């Protein structure tokens, strides 16, 4: 998808037609179907997403961190619909719309941040980092091993789980050396990435307003609840 910058329009919302387009992509995930509909994806999904980033960015910087990056462009805070061809040849396109807001210099995937995922049936809000770069992974294990910072992270994750969020991330099968297998926080030490997310279903009877102009405020309020995890992960850098 071509690099596109956001227009100055205010976010008006995502349409049912846009969600239906994503649903159709699930059953037709190939270039032959997608290519003639590229402009439709642009108009119904990408352009509203860019407008959403423009409005959501200042709210997140005010409520979470002044350094949070919200870049209204495809390949910035709006992830590309097309997967990297090296890894996804059979199903080349994302079947959801995903936004990413991060903090730190350099490539965005190296830093913790916040994500919003829009699928035909769900709105997903989350925070964390999918895969720790090697230097951050070393630092992460050091902080998990330390009683004060390690127990602090356990407390944060327990509170998020109690509030209904799902905590996940890729894991090793065994506790990495030099940590003992019976370490108090062995489960956390095995993680290669750490994310927490909340899934909100989008029923057919959902008011249009939920995906309309009030969405930036709703997302900012929801993502702000994940600030403790983000602040902990920022210590790795």
C-alpha atoms as a PDB file:
ATOM      1  CA  UNK A   1       0.000   0.000   0.000  1.00  0.00           C
ATOM      2  CA  UNK A   2       1.315   3.459  -0.889  1.00  0.00           C
ATOM      3  CA  UNK A   3       2.500   5.805   1.851  1.00  0.00           C
ATOM      4  CA  UNK A   4      -0.323   8.183   2.633  1.00  0.00           C
ATOM      5  CA  UNK A   5      -0.488  11.114   4.988  1.00  0.00           C
ATOM      6  CA  UNK A   6      -3.578  12.140   6.883  1.00  0.00           C
ATOM      7  CA  UNK A   7      -5.910  14.861   5.778  1.00  0.00           C
ATOM      8  CA  UNK A   8      -6.953  17.644   8.169  1.00  0.00           C
ATOM      9  CA  UNK A   9     -10.486  16.247   8.432  1.00  0.00           C
ATOM     10  CA  UNK A  10     -11.870  15.277  11.799  1.00  0.00           C
ATOM     11  CA  UNK A  11     -12.462  11.611  12.506  1.00  0.00           C
ATOM     12  CA  UNK A  12     -16.061  10.801  11.567  1.00  0.00           C
ATOM     13  CA  UNK A  13     -15.988   7.095  12.317  1.00  0.00           C
ATOM     14  CA  UNK A  14     -15.652   3.689  10.685  1.00  0.00           C
ATOM     15  CA  UNK A  15     -18.576   2.450   8.646  1.00  0.00           C
ATOM     16  CA  UNK A  16     -20.364  -0.880   8.613  1.00  0.00           C
ATOM     17  CA  UNK A  17     -19.300  -1.096   4.975  1.00  0.00           C
ATOM     18  CA  UNK A  18     -15.665  -0.908   6.052  1.00  0.00           C
ATOM     19  CA  UNK A  19     -16.124  -3.691   8.590  1.00  0.00           C
ATOM     20  CA  UNK A  20     -17.890  -5.787   5.975  1.00  0.00           C
ATOM     21  CA  UNK A  21     -14.968  -5.257   3.615  1.00  0.00           C
ATOM     22  CA  UNK A  22     -12.638  -6.712   6.250  1.00  0.00           C
ATOM     23  CA  UNK A  23     -14.983  -9.654   6.679  1.00  0.00           C
ATOM     24  CA  UNK A  24     -14.915 -10.341   2.940  1.00  0.00           C
ATOM     25  CA  UNK A  25     -11.114 -10.185   2.976  1.00  0.00           C
ATOM     26  CA  UNK A  26     -11.052 -13.051   5.469  1.00  0.00           C
ATOM     27  CA  UNK A  27     -12.605 -15.285   2.781  1.00  0.00           C
ATOM     28  CA  UNK A  28     -10.719 -13.762  -0.158  1.00  0.00           C
ATOM     29  CA  UNK A  29      -7.204 -13.201   1.133  1.00  0.00           C
ATOM     30  CA  UNK A  30      -5.417 -12.963  -2.198  1.00  0.00           C
ATOM     31  CA  UNK A  31      -4.105 -10.257  -4.484  1.00  0.00           C
ATOM     32  CA  UNK A  32      -6.536 -11.046  -7.285  1.00  0.00           C
ATOM     33  CA  UNK A  33      -9.466 -10.089  -5.028  1.00  0.00           C
ATOM     34  CA  UNK A  34      -7.756  -7.272  -3.127  1.00  0.00           C
ATOM     35  CA  UNK A  35      -6.155  -5.323  -5.968  1.00  0.00           C
ATOM     36  CA  UNK A  36      -9.345  -4.085  -7.675  1.00  0.00           C
ATOM     37  CA  UNK A  37     -10.697  -3.092  -4.241  1.00  0.00           C
ATOM     38  CA  UNK A  38      -7.581  -1.271  -3.068  1.00  0.00           C
ATOM     39  CA  UNK A  39      -9.188   2.162  -3.434  1.00  0.00           C
ATOM     40  CA  UNK A  40     -12.236   0.996  -1.498  1.00  0.00           C
ATOM     41  CA  UNK A  41      -9.989  -0.100   1.380  1.00  0.00           C
ATOM     42  CA  UNK A  42      -8.302   3.298   1.180  1.00  0.00           C
ATOM     43  CA  UNK A  43     -11.561   5.235   1.420  1.00  0.00           C
ATOM     44  CA  UNK A  44     -13.433   3.096   3.962  1.00  0.00           C
ATOM     45  CA  UNK A  45     -10.588   2.064   6.274  1.00  0.00           C
ATOM     46  CA  UNK A  46      -7.233   3.759   5.731  1.00  0.00           C
ATOM     47  CA  UNK A  47      -8.410   7.359   5.479  1.00  0.00           C
ATOM     48  CA  UNK A  48     -10.610   7.179   8.617  1.00  0.00           C
ATOM     49  CA  UNK A  49      -7.729   5.451  10.424  1.00  0.00           C
ATOM     50  CA  UNK A  50      -5.370   8.304   9.558  1.00  0.00           C
ATOM     51  CA  UNK A  51      -7.900  10.835  10.832  1.00  0.00           C
ATOM     52  CA  UNK A  52      -8.274   8.779  14.024  1.00  0.00           C
ATOM     53  CA  UNK A  53      -4.512   8.850  14.630  1.00  0.00           C
ATOM     54  CA  UNK A  54      -4.490  12.640  14.244  1.00  0.00           C
ATOM     55  CA  UNK A  55      -7.128  13.054  16.942  1.00  0.00           C
ATOM     56  CA  UNK A  56      -6.003  10.263  19.246  1.00  0.00           C
ATOM     57  CA  UNK A  57      -2.339  11.262  19.367  1.00  0.00           C
ATOM     58  CA  UNK A  58      -2.740  14.440  21.484  1.00  0.00           C
ATOM     59  CA  UNK A  59      -5.084  12.630  23.885  1.00  0.00           C
ATOM     60  CA  UNK A  60      -2.554   9.839  24.444  1.00  0.00           C
ATOM     61  CA  UNK A  61       0.330  12.265  24.942  1.00  0.00           C
ATOM     62  CA  UNK A  62      -1.714  14.172  27.498  1.00  0.00           C
ATOM     63  CA  UNK A  63      -2.930  11.151  29.458  1.00  0.00           C
ATOM     64  CA  UNK A  64      -0.083   8.657  29.095  1.00  0.00           C
ATOM     65  CA  UNK A  65       3.225  10.221  28.073  1.00  0.00           C
ATOM     66  CA  UNK A  66       4.314  13.382  26.240  1.00  0.00           C
ATOM     67  CA  UNK A  67       6.809  11.309  24.273  1.00  0.00           C
ATOM     68  CA  UNK A  68       4.287   8.897  22.800  1.00  0.00           C
ATOM     69  CA  UNK A  69       4.534   8.827  19.015  1.00  0.00           C
ATOM     70  CA  UNK A  70       1.396   8.937  16.877  1.00  0.00           C
ATOM     71  CA  UNK A  71       2.395   9.183  13.222  1.00  0.00           C
ATOM     72  CA  UNK A  72      -0.564   9.599  10.831  1.00  0.00           C
ATOM     73  CA  UNK A  73       0.813   7.636   7.910  1.00  0.00           C
ATOM     74  CA  UNK A  74       0.666   4.113   6.559  1.00  0.00           C
ATOM     75  CA  UNK A  75       3.776   2.383   7.852  1.00  0.00           C
ATOM     76  CA  UNK A  76       3.738   4.667  10.904  1.00  0.00           C
ATOM     77  CA  UNK A  77       0.837   4.421  13.336  1.00  0.00           C
ATOM     78  CA  UNK A  78      -1.347   2.745  10.712  1.00  0.00           C
ATOM     79  CA  UNK A  79       0.087  -0.675   9.947  1.00  0.00           C
ATOM     80  CA  UNK A  80       0.172  -1.767   6.317  1.00  0.00           C
ATOM     81  CA  UNK A  81      -2.582  -4.095   5.161  1.00  0.00           C
ATOM     82  CA  UNK A  82      -0.074  -6.238   3.296  1.00  0.00           C
ATOM     83  CA  UNK A  83       2.147  -8.582   5.290  1.00  0.00           C
ATOM     84  CA  UNK A  84       5.847  -8.914   4.627  1.00  0.00           C
ATOM     85  CA  UNK A  85       5.955 -11.226   1.604  1.00  0.00           C
ATOM     86  CA  UNK A  86       8.869 -13.145   3.129  1.00  0.00           C
ATOM     87  CA  UNK A  87       6.645 -14.516   5.898  1.00  0.00           C
ATOM     88  CA  UNK A  88       3.080 -14.535   4.610  1.00  0.00           C
ATOM     89  CA  UNK A  89       2.751 -15.828   1.056  1.00  0.00           C
ATOM     90  CA  UNK A  90      -0.484 -17.791   1.301  1.00  0.00           C
ATOM     91  CA  UNK A  91      -2.495 -15.091   3.130  1.00  0.00           C
ATOM     92  CA  UNK A  92      -0.743 -11.861   2.143  1.00  0.00           C
ATOM     93  CA  UNK A  93      -3.069  -9.335   3.820  1.00  0.00           C
ATOM     94  CA  UNK A  94      -4.087  -8.460   7.344  1.00  0.00           C
ATOM     95  CA  UNK A  95      -7.781  -9.131   7.887  1.00  0.00           C
ATOM     96  CA  UNK A  96      -7.959  -6.370  10.494  1.00  0.00           C
ATOM     97  CA  UNK A  97      -7.012  -2.734  10.796  1.00  0.00           C
ATOM     98  CA  UNK A  98      -4.259  -2.074  13.345  1.00  0.00           C
ATOM     99  CA  UNK A  99      -2.956   1.147  14.873  1.00  0.00           C
ATOM    100  CA  UNK A 100       0.313   1.409  16.816  1.00  0.00           C
ATOM    101  CA  UNK A 101       1.530   4.161  19.167  1.00  0.00           C
ATOM    102  CA  UNK A 102       5.021   3.821  20.613  1.00  0.00           C
ATOM    103  CA  UNK A 103       7.635   5.659  22.609  1.00  0.00           C
ATOM    104  CA  UNK A 104      11.328   5.804  21.723  1.00  0.00           C
ATOM    105  CA  UNK A 105      13.676   6.541  18.847  1.00  0.00           C
ATOM    106  CA  UNK A 106      14.382   4.243  15.956  1.00  0.00           C
ATOM    107  CA  UNK A 107      12.216   1.425  14.563  1.00  0.00           C
ATOM    108  CA  UNK A 108       8.848   1.266  16.288  1.00  0.00           C
ATOM    109  CA  UNK A 109       8.958  -2.518  16.797  1.00  0.00           C
ATOM    110  CA  UNK A 110      11.901  -2.107  19.187  1.00  0.00           C
ATOM    111  CA  UNK A 111       9.823  -0.174  21.704  1.00  0.00           C
ATOM    112  CA  UNK A 112       6.854  -0.784  23.977  1.00  0.00           C
ATOM    113  CA  UNK A 113       3.648   0.918  22.970  1.00  0.00           C
ATOM    114  CA  UNK A 114      -0.113   0.741  22.599  1.00  0.00           C
ATOM    115  CA  UNK A 115      -2.206  -0.854  19.881  1.00  0.00           C
ATOM    116  CA  UNK A 116      -5.777  -0.697  18.630  1.00  0.00           C
ATOM    117  CA  UNK A 117      -7.085  -3.468  16.405  1.00  0.00           C
ATOM    118  CA  UNK A 118     -10.378  -3.258  14.511  1.00  0.00           C
ATOM    119  CA  UNK A 119     -11.816  -6.519  13.181  1.00  0.00           C
ATOM    120  CA  UNK A 120     -15.271  -7.183  11.739  1.00  0.00           C
ATOM    121  CA  UNK A 121     -16.399  -8.420  15.146  1.00  0.00           C
ATOM    122  CA  UNK A 122     -14.065  -6.958  17.766  1.00  0.00           C
ATOM    123  CA  UNK A 123     -12.316  -3.854  18.968  1.00  0.00           C
ATOM    124  CA  UNK A 124      -9.052  -4.779  20.722  1.00  0.00           C
ATOM    125  CA  UNK A 125      -7.046  -2.422  22.942  1.00  0.00           C
ATOM    126  CA  UNK A 126      -3.637  -3.401  24.242  1.00  0.00           C
ATOM    127  CA  UNK A 127      -0.138  -2.450  25.319  1.00  0.00           C
ATOM    128  CA  UNK A 128       3.294  -4.028  25.462  1.00  0.00           C
ATOM    129  CA  UNK A 129       5.909  -5.291  23.046  1.00  0.00           C
ATOM    130  CA  UNK A 130       5.501  -8.282  20.761  1.00  0.00           C
ATOM    131  CA  UNK A 131       9.108  -9.454  20.778  1.00  0.00           C
ATOM    132  CA  UNK A 132      11.930  -8.090  22.927  1.00  0.00           C
ATOM    133  CA  UNK A 133      15.055  -7.133  20.944  1.00  0.00           C
ATOM    134  CA  UNK A 134      18.102  -8.973  22.378  1.00  0.00           C
ATOM    135  CA  UNK A 135      19.326  -6.043  24.481  1.00  0.00           C
ATOM    136  CA  UNK A 136      15.884  -5.359  25.926  1.00  0.00           C
ATOM    137  CA  UNK A 137      15.373  -9.064  26.624  1.00  0.00           C
ATOM    138  CA  UNK A 138      18.514  -9.133  28.777  1.00  0.00           C
ATOM    139  CA  UNK A 139      17.374  -6.064  30.688  1.00  0.00           C
ATOM    140  CA  UNK A 140      13.840  -7.463  31.041  1.00  0.00           C
ATOM    141  CA  UNK A 141      15.122 -10.643  32.673  1.00  0.00           C
ATOM    142  CA  UNK A 142      17.316  -8.633  35.014  1.00  0.00           C
ATOM    143  CA  UNK A 143      14.349  -6.575  36.221  1.00  0.00           C
ATOM    144  CA  UNK A 144      12.073  -9.613  36.530  1.00  0.00           C
ATOM    145  CA  UNK A 145      14.747 -11.359  38.584  1.00  0.00           C
ATOM    146  CA  UNK A 146      15.088  -8.447  41.012  1.00  0.00           C
ATOM    147  CA  UNK A 147      12.564  -8.822  43.873  1.00  0.00           C
ATOM    148  CA  UNK A 148      11.321  -5.215  43.872  1.00  0.00           C
ATOM    149  CA  UNK A 149      10.830  -4.668  40.137  1.00  0.00           C
ATOM    150  CA  UNK A 150       9.855  -8.281  39.486  1.00  0.00           C
ATOM    151  CA  UNK A 151       7.103  -8.284  42.093  1.00  0.00           C
ATOM    152  CA  UNK A 152       5.971  -4.889  40.875  1.00  0.00           C
ATOM    153  CA  UNK A 153       5.407  -6.353  37.401  1.00  0.00           C
ATOM    154  CA  UNK A 154       3.546  -9.327  38.870  1.00  0.00           C
ATOM    155  CA  UNK A 155       1.247  -6.913  40.694  1.00  0.00           C
ATOM    156  CA  UNK A 156       0.598  -4.890  37.546  1.00  0.00           C
ATOM    157  CA  UNK A 157      -0.237  -7.989  35.503  1.00  0.00           C
ATOM    158  CA  UNK A 158      -2.454  -9.423  38.234  1.00  0.00           C
ATOM    159  CA  UNK A 159      -4.451  -6.204  38.396  1.00  0.00           C
ATOM    160  CA  UNK A 160      -4.851  -6.155  34.630  1.00  0.00           C
ATOM    161  CA  UNK A 161      -5.972  -9.793  34.613  1.00  0.00           C
ATOM    162  CA  UNK A 162      -8.468  -9.093  37.395  1.00  0.00           C
ATOM    163  CA  UNK A 163      -9.842  -6.229  35.299  1.00  0.00           C
ATOM    164  CA  UNK A 164     -10.503  -8.676  32.464  1.00  0.00           C
ATOM    165  CA  UNK A 165      -7.438  -8.184  30.285  1.00  0.00           C
ATOM    166  CA  UNK A 166      -5.591 -11.075  28.698  1.00  0.00           C
ATOM    167  CA  UNK A 167      -1.859 -11.200  29.364  1.00  0.00           C
ATOM    168  CA  UNK A 168       0.231 -13.000  26.779  1.00  0.00           C
ATOM    169  CA  UNK A 169       3.361 -13.122  24.670  1.00  0.00           C
ATOM    170  CA  UNK A 170       5.670 -15.694  23.124  1.00  0.00           C
ATOM    171  CA  UNK A 171       7.345 -17.985  25.667  1.00  0.00           C
ATOM    172  CA  UNK A 172      10.219 -20.403  25.967  1.00  0.00           C
ATOM    173  CA  UNK A 173       9.403 -23.905  27.174  1.00  0.00           C
ATOM    174  CA  UNK A 174      12.115 -23.773  29.834  1.00  0.00           C
ATOM    175  CA  UNK A 175      13.385 -21.106  32.185  1.00  0.00           C
ATOM    176  CA  UNK A 176      16.463 -19.532  30.587  1.00  0.00           C
ATOM    177  CA  UNK A 177      19.863 -19.854  32.196  1.00  0.00           C
ATOM    178  CA  UNK A 178      21.248 -18.833  34.611  1.00  0.00           C
ATOM    179  CA  UNK A 179      17.894 -18.618  36.408  1.00  0.00           C
ATOM    180  CA  UNK A 180      16.687 -21.654  38.362  1.00  0.00           C
ATOM    181  CA  UNK A 181      13.710 -23.593  37.055  1.00  0.00           C
ATOM    182  CA  UNK A 182      11.854 -22.994  40.339  1.00  0.00           C
ATOM    183  CA  UNK A 183      12.361 -19.222  40.232  1.00  0.00           C
ATOM    184  CA  UNK A 184       9.499 -17.316  41.870  1.00  0.00           C
ATOM    185  CA  UNK A 185       8.776 -15.593  38.548  1.00  0.00           C
ATOM    186  CA  UNK A 186       9.840 -18.358  36.163  1.00  0.00           C
ATOM    187  CA  UNK A 187       6.779 -17.844  33.958  1.00  0.00           C
ATOM    188  CA  UNK A 188       7.733 -14.223  33.338  1.00  0.00           C
ATOM    189  CA  UNK A 189      11.382 -15.123  32.772  1.00  0.00           C
ATOM    190  CA  UNK A 190      10.347 -17.462  29.960  1.00  0.00           C
ATOM    191  CA  UNK A 191       8.587 -14.684  28.046  1.00  0.00           C
ATOM    192  CA  UNK A 192      10.080 -13.376  24.814  1.00  0.00           C
ATOM    193  CA  UNK A 193       7.456 -10.637  24.545  1.00  0.00           C
ATOM    194  CA  UNK A 194       4.808  -9.216  26.857  1.00  0.00           C
ATOM    195  CA  UNK A 195       1.414  -7.814  25.934  1.00  0.00           C
ATOM    196  CA  UNK A 196      -1.885  -7.184  27.682  1.00  0.00           C
ATOM    197  CA  UNK A 197      -5.090  -6.696  25.727  1.00  0.00           C
ATOM    198  CA  UNK A 198      -8.819  -6.290  26.141  1.00  0.00           C
ATOM    199  CA  UNK A 199     -11.281  -7.561  23.532  1.00  0.00           C
ATOM    200  CA  UNK A 200     -14.578  -5.777  23.058  1.00  0.00           C
ATOM    201  CA  UNK A 201     -17.159  -7.530  20.899  1.00  0.00           C
ATOM    202  CA  UNK A 202     -18.935  -5.526  18.216  1.00  0.00           C
ATOM    203  CA  UNK A 203     -22.497  -6.905  18.076  1.00  0.00           C
ATOM    204  CA  UNK A 204     -24.809  -6.214  15.166  1.00  0.00           C
ATOM    205  CA  UNK A 205     -26.915  -4.014  17.456  1.00  0.00           C
ATOM    206  CA  UNK A 206     -23.926  -1.863  18.427  1.00  0.00           C
ATOM    207  CA  UNK A 207     -24.731   1.863  18.238  1.00  0.00           C
ATOM    208  CA  UNK A 208     -23.006   3.557  15.331  1.00  0.00           C
ATOM    209  CA  UNK A 209     -21.619   6.105  17.818  1.00  0.00           C
ATOM    210  CA  UNK A 210     -19.240   3.490  19.232  1.00  0.00           C
ATOM    211  CA  UNK A 211     -17.224   3.600  16.009  1.00  0.00           C
ATOM    212  CA  UNK A 212     -18.085   7.243  15.377  1.00  0.00           C
ATOM    213  CA  UNK A 213     -16.698  10.591  16.565  1.00  0.00           C
ATOM    214  CA  UNK A 214     -16.600   9.506  20.220  1.00  0.00           C
ATOM    215  CA  UNK A 215     -14.129   6.698  19.476  1.00  0.00           C
ATOM    216  CA  UNK A 216     -10.937   8.737  20.102  1.00  0.00           C
ATOM    217  CA  UNK A 217     -12.083   9.588  23.613  1.00  0.00           C
ATOM    218  CA  UNK A 218     -13.126   5.995  24.326  1.00  0.00           C
ATOM    219  CA  UNK A 219      -9.798   4.650  23.102  1.00  0.00           C
ATOM    220  CA  UNK A 220      -7.771   7.201  25.062  1.00  0.00           C
ATOM    221  CA  UNK A 221      -9.607   6.293  28.266  1.00  0.00           C
ATOM    222  CA  UNK A 222      -9.160   2.564  27.651  1.00  0.00           C
ATOM    223  CA  UNK A 223      -5.480   2.769  26.748  1.00  0.00           C
ATOM    224  CA  UNK A 224      -4.700   5.014  29.722  1.00  0.00           C
ATOM    225  CA  UNK A 225      -5.613   2.104  32.014  1.00  0.00           C
ATOM    226  CA  UNK A 226      -2.621   0.256  30.562  1.00  0.00           C
ATOM    227  CA  UNK A 227      -0.192   3.020  31.490  1.00  0.00           C
ATOM    228  CA  UNK A 228       1.348   1.126  34.474  1.00  0.00           C
ATOM    229  CA  UNK A 229       2.504  -1.701  32.195  1.00  0.00           C
ATOM    230  CA  UNK A 230       3.884   0.752  29.654  1.00  0.00           C
ATOM    231  CA  UNK A 231       5.811   2.651  32.324  1.00  0.00           C
ATOM    232  CA  UNK A 232       7.327  -0.569  33.639  1.00  0.00           C
ATOM    233  CA  UNK A 233       8.417  -1.642  30.158  1.00  0.00           C
ATOM    234  CA  UNK A 234       9.946   1.756  29.482  1.00  0.00           C
ATOM    235  CA  UNK A 235      12.533   0.992  32.169  1.00  0.00           C
ATOM    236  CA  UNK A 236      14.092  -1.501  29.793  1.00  0.00           C
ATOM    237  CA  UNK A 237      15.404   1.271  27.552  1.00  0.00           C
END
